[in-house]
Amino acid sequence: MTLPLHTERLIVREFTAADLDALAMVFADPAVLWWEPAPYTREQTRSWLEVTLERYRDDGCAEYAVVVAFTGDLIGDCGPTYREVEGRRLPELGWDLRSDAWGHGYATEAARGVLSHAAELGLTRVYSLIAPQNERSRGVARRLGMILERDVLWSGGPHELWALDLR
């Protein structure tokens, strides 16, 4: 499944600079980036978006835009991004959705599509870093068939490292 991906209800595609305003609305929601000291400003979102566009060029993958097909609304991101975890560079599958889009299965649906794309990219295993108190993300990981591999320290705090073989 090359990009853009079309799932039952979603389109998953690379971000463009034109997505800044919609993405800034996602990241301005304090429930979305709850682990950050504060929601992202428009400038912080612009920086995040610039780094993501660089990752497409440098790594061949990163977080992708998640769009509701019926409405065209950008509701968040989902994708594999390389992260440094305990001295290893791992492809981490992550997702961030607007809080008004929670509870509809969008994160799981987007991630399933992204997993097919990740396998096409040659990834044989993906990981998810999930904060222990993030039960919603744990639920997504379980629905994807991921297993809890171990606890790790990452980004200044404890996280669970979930894994899924793509072979």
N, C-alpha and C. Protein backbone atom coordinates (compact mmCIF):
# COMPACT_ATOMS: atom_id res chain seq x y z
N MET A 1 0.84 -1.18 0.00
CA MET A 1 0.00 0.00 0.00
C MET A 1 0.89 1.24 0.00
N THR A 2 1.09 1.80 -1.14
CA THR A 2 1.88 3.02 -1.19
C THR A 2 1.01 4.21 -0.79
N LEU A 3 1.66 5.28 -0.43
CA LEU A 3 0.94 6.48 -0.01
C LEU A 3 0.35 7.20 -1.22
N PRO A 4 -0.80 7.81 -1.09
CA PRO A 4 -1.63 7.80 0.12
C PRO A 4 -2.31 6.45 0.31
N LEU A 5 -2.52 6.12 1.59
CA LEU A 5 -3.24 4.89 1.94
C LEU A 5 -4.72 5.23 2.07
N HIS A 6 -5.55 4.35 1.61
CA HIS A 6 -7.00 4.52 1.76
C HIS A 6 -7.51 3.35 2.58
N THR A 7 -8.01 3.64 3.77
CA THR A 7 -8.64 2.63 4.60
C THR A 7 -10.15 2.80 4.45
N GLU A 8 -10.90 2.10 5.25
CA GLU A 8 -12.36 2.18 5.14
C GLU A 8 -12.87 3.62 5.28
N ARG A 9 -12.29 4.37 6.25
CA ARG A 9 -12.79 5.73 6.53
C ARG A 9 -11.75 6.82 6.42
N LEU A 10 -10.50 6.43 6.21
CA LEU A 10 -9.40 7.40 6.33
C LEU A 10 -8.53 7.44 5.09
N ILE A 11 -7.84 8.56 4.95
CA ILE A 11 -6.74 8.70 4.01
C ILE A 11 -5.51 9.00 4.86
N VAL A 12 -4.45 8.24 4.65
CA VAL A 12 -3.19 8.46 5.35
C VAL A 12 -2.17 8.85 4.29
N ARG A 13 -1.59 10.04 4.44
CA ARG A 13 -0.70 10.58 3.41
C ARG A 13 0.43 11.36 4.06
N GLU A 14 1.44 11.68 3.27
CA GLU A 14 2.51 12.52 3.79
C GLU A 14 1.96 13.92 4.09
N PHE A 15 2.51 14.52 5.13
CA PHE A 15 2.19 15.91 5.43
C PHE A 15 2.80 16.81 4.35
N THR A 16 2.21 17.98 4.20
CA THR A 16 2.79 19.04 3.38
C THR A 16 2.80 20.31 4.23
N ALA A 17 3.51 21.32 3.78
CA ALA A 17 3.54 22.59 4.50
C ALA A 17 2.14 23.19 4.62
N ALA A 18 1.26 22.87 3.68
CA ALA A 18 -0.10 23.40 3.70
C ALA A 18 -0.93 22.85 4.86
N ASP A 19 -0.45 21.83 5.54
CA ASP A 19 -1.18 21.22 6.66
C ASP A 19 -0.95 21.94 7.99
N LEU A 20 -0.15 22.99 7.99
CA LEU A 20 0.24 23.63 9.25
C LEU A 20 -0.96 24.06 10.09
N ASP A 21 -1.92 24.75 9.51
CA ASP A 21 -3.04 25.26 10.31
C ASP A 21 -3.86 24.13 10.94
N ALA A 22 -4.18 23.12 10.16
CA ALA A 22 -4.97 22.00 10.69
C ALA A 22 -4.19 21.23 11.75
N LEU A 23 -2.89 21.03 11.52
CA LEU A 23 -2.07 20.33 12.50
C LEU A 23 -1.91 21.15 13.77
N ALA A 24 -1.79 22.46 13.63
CA ALA A 24 -1.67 23.33 14.81
C ALA A 24 -2.91 23.21 15.69
N MET A 25 -4.07 23.02 15.07
CA MET A 25 -5.30 22.82 15.86
C MET A 25 -5.25 21.51 16.63
N VAL A 26 -4.68 20.46 16.02
CA VAL A 26 -4.54 19.17 16.70
C VAL A 26 -3.61 19.33 17.90
N PHE A 27 -2.46 19.92 17.68
CA PHE A 27 -1.44 20.02 18.73
C PHE A 27 -1.74 21.10 19.77
N ALA A 28 -2.73 21.95 19.51
CA ALA A 28 -3.13 22.96 20.49
C ALA A 28 -4.06 22.38 21.56
N ASP A 29 -4.57 21.19 21.32
CA ASP A 29 -5.47 20.52 22.25
C ASP A 29 -4.63 19.93 23.39
N PRO A 30 -4.81 20.40 24.63
CA PRO A 30 -3.98 19.90 25.74
C PRO A 30 -4.14 18.40 25.98
N ALA A 31 -5.25 17.81 25.56
CA ALA A 31 -5.45 16.37 25.75
C ALA A 31 -4.61 15.55 24.78
N VAL A 32 -4.20 16.14 23.66
CA VAL A 32 -3.46 15.39 22.64
C VAL A 32 -2.01 15.20 23.06
N LEU A 33 -1.33 16.28 23.36
CA LEU A 33 0.08 16.21 23.77
C LEU A 33 0.17 16.36 25.30
N TRP A 34 -0.58 15.54 26.00
CA TRP A 34 -0.72 15.66 27.44
C TRP A 34 0.60 15.52 28.19
N TRP A 35 1.60 14.86 27.61
CA TRP A 35 2.87 14.65 28.31
C TRP A 35 3.79 15.86 28.19
N GLU A 36 3.46 16.78 27.29
CA GLU A 36 4.26 18.00 27.14
C GLU A 36 3.88 19.00 28.23
N PRO A 37 4.79 19.94 28.55
CA PRO A 37 4.46 20.94 29.58
C PRO A 37 3.25 21.81 29.20
N ALA A 38 3.03 21.99 27.90
CA ALA A 38 1.89 22.78 27.41
C ALA A 38 1.60 22.36 25.98
N PRO A 39 0.39 22.63 25.50
CA PRO A 39 0.11 22.34 24.09
C PRO A 39 1.09 23.09 23.19
N TYR A 40 1.27 22.62 21.99
CA TYR A 40 2.19 23.27 21.06
C TYR A 40 1.61 24.57 20.54
N THR A 41 2.48 25.55 20.40
CA THR A 41 2.12 26.78 19.72
C THR A 41 2.18 26.52 18.21
N ARG A 42 1.74 27.48 17.45
CA ARG A 42 1.81 27.35 15.99
C ARG A 42 3.26 27.21 15.55
N GLU A 43 4.18 27.95 16.18
CA GLU A 43 5.60 27.87 15.81
C GLU A 43 6.20 26.51 16.18
N GLN A 44 5.83 25.97 17.33
CA GLN A 44 6.30 24.63 17.69
C GLN A 44 5.76 23.58 16.70
N THR A 45 4.52 23.76 16.28
CA THR A 45 3.94 22.85 15.29
C THR A 45 4.68 22.99 13.96
N ARG A 46 5.01 24.22 13.58
CA ARG A 46 5.77 24.45 12.34
C ARG A 46 7.12 23.71 12.40
N SER A 47 7.80 23.79 13.54
CA SER A 47 9.08 23.09 13.71
C SER A 47 8.90 21.58 13.61
N TRP A 48 7.86 21.06 14.26
CA TRP A 48 7.57 19.62 14.21
C TRP A 48 7.33 19.21 12.76
N LEU A 49 6.57 20.00 12.04
CA LEU A 49 6.25 19.69 10.65
C LEU A 49 7.51 19.73 9.78
N GLU A 50 8.38 20.69 9.99
CA GLU A 50 9.63 20.78 9.22
C GLU A 50 10.50 19.55 9.47
N VAL A 51 10.61 19.12 10.73
CA VAL A 51 11.38 17.92 11.05
C VAL A 51 10.77 16.69 10.38
N THR A 52 9.45 16.60 10.40
CA THR A 52 8.76 15.47 9.77
C THR A 52 9.05 15.43 8.28
N LEU A 53 8.99 16.56 7.60
CA LEU A 53 9.28 16.61 6.17
C LEU A 53 10.73 16.20 5.89
N GLU A 54 11.66 16.59 6.77
CA GLU A 54 13.06 16.16 6.63
C GLU A 54 13.19 14.65 6.81
N ARG A 55 12.43 14.09 7.73
CA ARG A 55 12.49 12.64 7.97
C ARG A 55 12.01 11.86 6.75
N TYR A 56 11.01 12.38 6.02
CA TYR A 56 10.59 11.71 4.78
C TYR A 56 11.78 11.57 3.84
N ARG A 57 12.55 12.67 3.73
CA ARG A 57 13.72 12.66 2.83
C ARG A 57 14.85 11.79 3.37
N ASP A 58 15.14 11.91 4.66
CA ASP A 58 16.31 11.25 5.24
C ASP A 58 16.06 9.77 5.57
N ASP A 59 14.87 9.46 6.10
CA ASP A 59 14.58 8.10 6.58
C ASP A 59 13.60 7.34 5.70
N GLY A 60 12.92 8.03 4.83
CA GLY A 60 11.92 7.39 3.98
C GLY A 60 10.58 7.18 4.65
N CYS A 61 10.46 7.62 5.90
CA CYS A 61 9.19 7.51 6.62
C CYS A 61 9.21 8.46 7.80
N ALA A 62 8.02 8.69 8.35
CA ALA A 62 7.83 9.52 9.54
C ALA A 62 6.34 9.48 9.85
N GLU A 63 5.89 10.38 10.70
CA GLU A 63 4.46 10.47 10.96
C GLU A 63 3.77 10.95 9.68
N TYR A 64 2.58 10.40 9.42
CA TYR A 64 1.79 10.78 8.26
C TYR A 64 0.51 11.46 8.72
N ALA A 65 -0.05 12.27 7.85
CA ALA A 65 -1.32 12.93 8.12
C ALA A 65 -2.45 11.91 8.07
N VAL A 66 -3.34 11.98 9.04
CA VAL A 66 -4.53 11.14 9.08
C VAL A 66 -5.73 12.05 8.79
N VAL A 67 -6.43 11.73 7.71
CA VAL A 67 -7.53 12.56 7.22
C VAL A 67 -8.80 11.72 7.14
N VAL A 68 -9.90 12.25 7.63
CA VAL A 68 -11.19 11.57 7.48
C VAL A 68 -11.61 11.73 6.02
N ALA A 69 -11.78 10.61 5.33
CA ALA A 69 -12.06 10.65 3.89
C ALA A 69 -13.35 11.40 3.57
N PHE A 70 -14.39 11.18 4.35
CA PHE A 70 -15.71 11.75 4.06
C PHE A 70 -15.72 13.28 4.17
N THR A 71 -14.98 13.81 5.17
CA THR A 71 -15.01 15.25 5.41
C THR A 71 -13.77 15.99 4.92
N GLY A 72 -12.66 15.27 4.76
CA GLY A 72 -11.40 15.91 4.40
C GLY A 72 -10.69 16.54 5.58
N ASP A 73 -11.19 16.32 6.79
CA ASP A 73 -10.58 16.91 7.99
C ASP A 73 -9.33 16.16 8.40
N LEU A 74 -8.25 16.89 8.61
CA LEU A 74 -7.03 16.32 9.17
C LEU A 74 -7.26 16.18 10.67
N ILE A 75 -7.17 14.95 11.18
CA ILE A 75 -7.47 14.72 12.60
C ILE A 75 -6.24 14.32 13.41
N GLY A 76 -5.08 14.18 12.75
CA GLY A 76 -3.89 13.83 13.52
C GLY A 76 -2.81 13.21 12.68
N ASP A 77 -1.98 12.42 13.33
CA ASP A 77 -0.84 11.79 12.66
C ASP A 77 -0.69 10.34 13.10
N CYS A 78 -0.04 9.57 12.25
CA CYS A 78 0.27 8.18 12.56
C CYS A 78 1.39 7.74 11.64
N GLY A 79 2.40 7.09 12.19
CA GLY A 79 3.46 6.60 11.33
C GLY A 79 4.68 6.15 12.09
N PRO A 80 5.58 5.49 11.38
CA PRO A 80 6.83 5.04 12.00
C PRO A 80 7.91 6.11 11.90
N THR A 81 8.46 6.46 13.04
CA THR A 81 9.56 7.43 13.12
C THR A 81 10.70 6.79 13.88
N TYR A 82 11.90 6.95 13.39
CA TYR A 82 13.05 6.36 14.09
C TYR A 82 13.34 7.13 15.37
N ARG A 83 13.47 6.38 16.45
CA ARG A 83 13.77 6.95 17.78
C ARG A 83 14.97 6.21 18.36
N GLU A 84 15.74 6.94 19.13
CA GLU A 84 16.86 6.36 19.87
C GLU A 84 16.33 5.81 21.18
N VAL A 85 16.41 4.49 21.35
CA VAL A 85 15.91 3.84 22.56
C VAL A 85 17.01 2.93 23.09
N GLU A 86 17.54 3.28 24.26
CA GLU A 86 18.59 2.49 24.90
C GLU A 86 19.74 2.19 23.94
N GLY A 87 20.16 3.21 23.20
CA GLY A 87 21.30 3.08 22.31
C GLY A 87 21.01 2.43 20.96
N ARG A 88 19.75 2.09 20.71
CA ARG A 88 19.37 1.49 19.42
C ARG A 88 18.40 2.42 18.69
N ARG A 89 18.54 2.47 17.39
CA ARG A 89 17.64 3.28 16.55
C ARG A 89 16.50 2.38 16.09
N LEU A 90 15.30 2.63 16.64
CA LEU A 90 14.16 1.76 16.40
C LEU A 90 13.05 2.50 15.65
N PRO A 91 12.36 1.81 14.74
CA PRO A 91 11.19 2.42 14.10
C PRO A 91 10.00 2.37 15.06
N GLU A 92 9.60 3.55 15.52
CA GLU A 92 8.54 3.64 16.51
C GLU A 92 7.24 4.08 15.84
N LEU A 93 6.23 3.22 15.91
CA LEU A 93 4.92 3.54 15.38
C LEU A 93 4.16 4.33 16.43
N GLY A 94 3.82 5.56 16.06
CA GLY A 94 3.10 6.42 16.99
C GLY A 94 1.85 6.99 16.35
N TRP A 95 0.99 7.56 17.16
CA TRP A 95 -0.25 8.17 16.69
C TRP A 95 -0.67 9.26 17.65
N ASP A 96 -1.16 10.35 17.10
CA ASP A 96 -1.72 11.47 17.87
C ASP A 96 -2.96 11.92 17.12
N LEU A 97 -4.11 11.87 17.78
CA LEU A 97 -5.35 12.30 17.15
C LEU A 97 -6.04 13.36 18.00
N ARG A 98 -6.75 14.27 17.32
CA ARG A 98 -7.57 15.25 18.04
C ARG A 98 -8.47 14.51 19.03
N SER A 99 -8.67 15.09 20.20
CA SER A 99 -9.46 14.39 21.22
C SER A 99 -10.91 14.20 20.79
N ASP A 100 -11.45 15.03 19.93
CA ASP A 100 -12.82 14.81 19.48
C ASP A 100 -12.93 13.65 18.48
N ALA A 101 -11.77 13.11 18.08
CA ALA A 101 -11.75 11.94 17.18
C ALA A 101 -11.48 10.65 17.95
N TRP A 102 -11.29 10.73 19.26
CA TRP A 102 -11.04 9.55 20.07
C TRP A 102 -12.31 8.70 20.18
N GLY A 103 -12.10 7.41 20.36
CA GLY A 103 -13.22 6.52 20.62
C GLY A 103 -13.95 6.04 19.37
N HIS A 104 -13.41 6.33 18.20
CA HIS A 104 -14.05 5.92 16.94
C HIS A 104 -13.25 4.86 16.19
N GLY A 105 -12.12 4.42 16.77
CA GLY A 105 -11.29 3.41 16.12
C GLY A 105 -10.37 3.97 15.05
N TYR A 106 -10.25 5.28 14.95
CA TYR A 106 -9.42 5.88 13.90
C TYR A 106 -7.93 5.57 14.08
N ALA A 107 -7.43 5.60 15.32
CA ALA A 107 -6.00 5.33 15.54
C ALA A 107 -5.67 3.91 15.11
N THR A 108 -6.50 2.96 15.48
CA THR A 108 -6.25 1.56 15.10
C THR A 108 -6.34 1.40 13.60
N GLU A 109 -7.35 2.01 12.98
CA GLU A 109 -7.52 1.91 11.53
C GLU A 109 -6.34 2.52 10.78
N ALA A 110 -5.92 3.70 11.20
CA ALA A 110 -4.77 4.34 10.56
C ALA A 110 -3.51 3.51 10.74
N ALA A 111 -3.29 3.02 11.96
CA ALA A 111 -2.08 2.24 12.24
C ALA A 111 -2.05 0.95 11.44
N ARG A 112 -3.18 0.29 11.26
CA ARG A 112 -3.20 -0.94 10.46
C ARG A 112 -2.76 -0.65 9.03
N GLY A 113 -3.25 0.43 8.47
CA GLY A 113 -2.82 0.81 7.13
C GLY A 113 -1.34 1.13 7.08
N VAL A 114 -0.87 1.86 8.08
CA VAL A 114 0.54 2.24 8.14
C VAL A 114 1.42 1.00 8.30
N LEU A 115 0.96 -0.01 9.01
CA LEU A 115 1.76 -1.23 9.17
C LEU A 115 2.00 -1.90 7.83
N SER A 116 1.00 -1.92 6.97
CA SER A 116 1.19 -2.48 5.62
C SER A 116 2.23 -1.68 4.86
N HIS A 117 2.15 -0.37 4.97
CA HIS A 117 3.12 0.50 4.31
C HIS A 117 4.53 0.27 4.87
N ALA A 118 4.64 0.14 6.20
CA ALA A 118 5.94 -0.09 6.83
C ALA A 118 6.57 -1.37 6.32
N ALA A 119 5.77 -2.41 6.15
CA ALA A 119 6.29 -3.67 5.61
C ALA A 119 6.79 -3.47 4.18
N GLU A 120 6.07 -2.68 3.38
CA GLU A 120 6.52 -2.39 2.02
C GLU A 120 7.85 -1.64 2.01
N LEU A 121 8.07 -0.82 3.05
CA LEU A 121 9.32 -0.08 3.17
C LEU A 121 10.48 -0.99 3.57
N GLY A 122 10.18 -2.23 3.94
CA GLY A 122 11.22 -3.17 4.34
C GLY A 122 11.39 -3.32 5.84
N LEU A 123 10.54 -2.66 6.62
CA LEU A 123 10.63 -2.82 8.07
C LEU A 123 10.11 -4.20 8.43
N THR A 124 10.82 -4.88 9.30
CA THR A 124 10.41 -6.22 9.72
C THR A 124 9.83 -6.24 11.12
N ARG A 125 10.02 -5.14 11.85
CA ARG A 125 9.52 -5.04 13.22
C ARG A 125 9.32 -3.57 13.53
N VAL A 126 8.24 -3.26 14.21
CA VAL A 126 8.02 -1.89 14.67
C VAL A 126 7.77 -1.92 16.17
N TYR A 127 7.97 -0.77 16.79
CA TYR A 127 7.83 -0.62 18.22
C TYR A 127 6.92 0.57 18.51
N SER A 128 6.33 0.57 19.67
CA SER A 128 5.60 1.74 20.15
C SER A 128 6.05 2.02 21.57
N LEU A 129 6.36 3.27 21.83
CA LEU A 129 6.73 3.73 23.16
C LEU A 129 5.47 4.31 23.79
N ILE A 130 5.01 3.70 24.87
CA ILE A 130 3.75 4.12 25.48
C ILE A 130 3.98 4.40 26.95
N ALA A 131 3.58 5.58 27.38
CA ALA A 131 3.68 5.92 28.80
C ALA A 131 2.75 4.99 29.59
N PRO A 132 3.19 4.54 30.76
CA PRO A 132 2.40 3.55 31.53
C PRO A 132 0.97 3.99 31.82
N GLN A 133 0.72 5.28 31.95
CA GLN A 133 -0.63 5.75 32.27
C GLN A 133 -1.50 5.96 31.03
N ASN A 134 -0.99 5.67 29.86
CA ASN A 134 -1.73 5.91 28.62
C ASN A 134 -2.51 4.65 28.19
N GLU A 135 -3.62 4.43 28.86
CA GLU A 135 -4.41 3.21 28.61
C GLU A 135 -4.99 3.20 27.20
N ARG A 136 -5.34 4.36 26.64
CA ARG A 136 -5.89 4.41 25.28
C ARG A 136 -4.88 3.86 24.27
N SER A 137 -3.64 4.30 24.37
CA SER A 137 -2.62 3.82 23.43
C SER A 137 -2.30 2.35 23.66
N ARG A 138 -2.35 1.92 24.91
CA ARG A 138 -2.18 0.49 25.17
C ARG A 138 -3.25 -0.31 24.46
N GLY A 139 -4.48 0.18 24.47
CA GLY A 139 -5.57 -0.49 23.78
C GLY A 139 -5.34 -0.58 22.28
N VAL A 140 -4.85 0.51 21.69
CA VAL A 140 -4.52 0.49 20.26
C VAL A 140 -3.44 -0.56 20.00
N ALA A 141 -2.40 -0.55 20.81
CA ALA A 141 -1.31 -1.51 20.63
C ALA A 141 -1.83 -2.95 20.70
N ARG A 142 -2.68 -3.23 21.67
CA ARG A 142 -3.25 -4.58 21.79
C ARG A 142 -4.07 -4.95 20.55
N ARG A 143 -4.90 -4.02 20.07
CA ARG A 143 -5.73 -4.30 18.89
C ARG A 143 -4.88 -4.54 17.65
N LEU A 144 -3.69 -3.95 17.61
CA LEU A 144 -2.78 -4.16 16.49
C LEU A 144 -2.04 -5.49 16.59
N GLY A 145 -2.14 -6.14 17.75
CA GLY A 145 -1.43 -7.39 17.95
C GLY A 145 -0.04 -7.21 18.52
N MET A 146 0.27 -6.01 19.00
CA MET A 146 1.59 -5.75 19.58
C MET A 146 1.68 -6.44 20.95
N ILE A 147 2.91 -6.74 21.33
CA ILE A 147 3.15 -7.32 22.64
C ILE A 147 4.05 -6.39 23.45
N LEU A 148 3.82 -6.36 24.74
CA LEU A 148 4.67 -5.58 25.63
C LEU A 148 5.99 -6.31 25.77
N GLU A 149 7.04 -5.66 25.29
CA GLU A 149 8.37 -6.30 25.32
C GLU A 149 9.08 -6.04 26.64
N ARG A 150 9.10 -4.77 27.07
CA ARG A 150 9.78 -4.44 28.32
C ARG A 150 9.56 -2.97 28.67
N ASP A 151 9.94 -2.61 29.88
CA ASP A 151 9.91 -1.21 30.30
C ASP A 151 11.25 -0.58 29.96
N VAL A 152 11.19 0.69 29.52
CA VAL A 152 12.41 1.41 29.17
C VAL A 152 12.31 2.83 29.73
N LEU A 153 13.46 3.48 29.83
CA LEU A 153 13.49 4.91 30.10
C LEU A 153 13.67 5.61 28.76
N TRP A 154 12.76 6.54 28.45
CA TRP A 154 12.84 7.24 27.18
C TRP A 154 12.29 8.64 27.37
N SER A 155 12.93 9.60 26.78
CA SER A 155 12.49 11.00 26.83
C SER A 155 12.24 11.46 28.27
N GLY A 156 13.12 11.06 29.16
CA GLY A 156 13.07 11.54 30.52
C GLY A 156 12.09 10.85 31.45
N GLY A 157 11.49 9.74 30.99
CA GLY A 157 10.54 9.07 31.86
C GLY A 157 10.33 7.62 31.49
N PRO A 158 9.62 6.89 32.35
CA PRO A 158 9.37 5.48 32.07
C PRO A 158 8.37 5.32 30.94
N HIS A 159 8.62 4.35 30.09
CA HIS A 159 7.72 3.99 28.98
C HIS A 159 7.71 2.48 28.84
N GLU A 160 6.63 2.00 28.28
CA GLU A 160 6.56 0.60 27.89
C GLU A 160 6.95 0.51 26.43
N LEU A 161 7.75 -0.49 26.09
CA LEU A 161 8.15 -0.71 24.71
C LEU A 161 7.35 -1.89 24.17
N TRP A 162 6.42 -1.60 23.29
CA TRP A 162 5.59 -2.60 22.65
C TRP A 162 6.20 -2.93 21.29
N ALA A 163 6.03 -4.16 20.81
CA ALA A 163 6.66 -4.58 19.56
C ALA A 163 5.69 -5.43 18.73
N LEU A 164 5.92 -5.39 17.43
CA LEU A 164 5.13 -6.18 16.51
C LEU A 164 6.03 -6.60 15.34
N ASP A 165 6.10 -7.91 15.10
CA ASP A 165 6.82 -8.42 13.92
C ASP A 165 5.94 -8.26 12.70
N LEU A 166 6.51 -7.76 11.63
CA LEU A 166 5.76 -7.55 10.39
C LEU A 166 5.96 -8.66 9.38
N ARG A 167 6.77 -9.65 9.71
CA ARG A 167 7.02 -10.74 8.76
C ARG A 167 5.84 -11.68 8.69
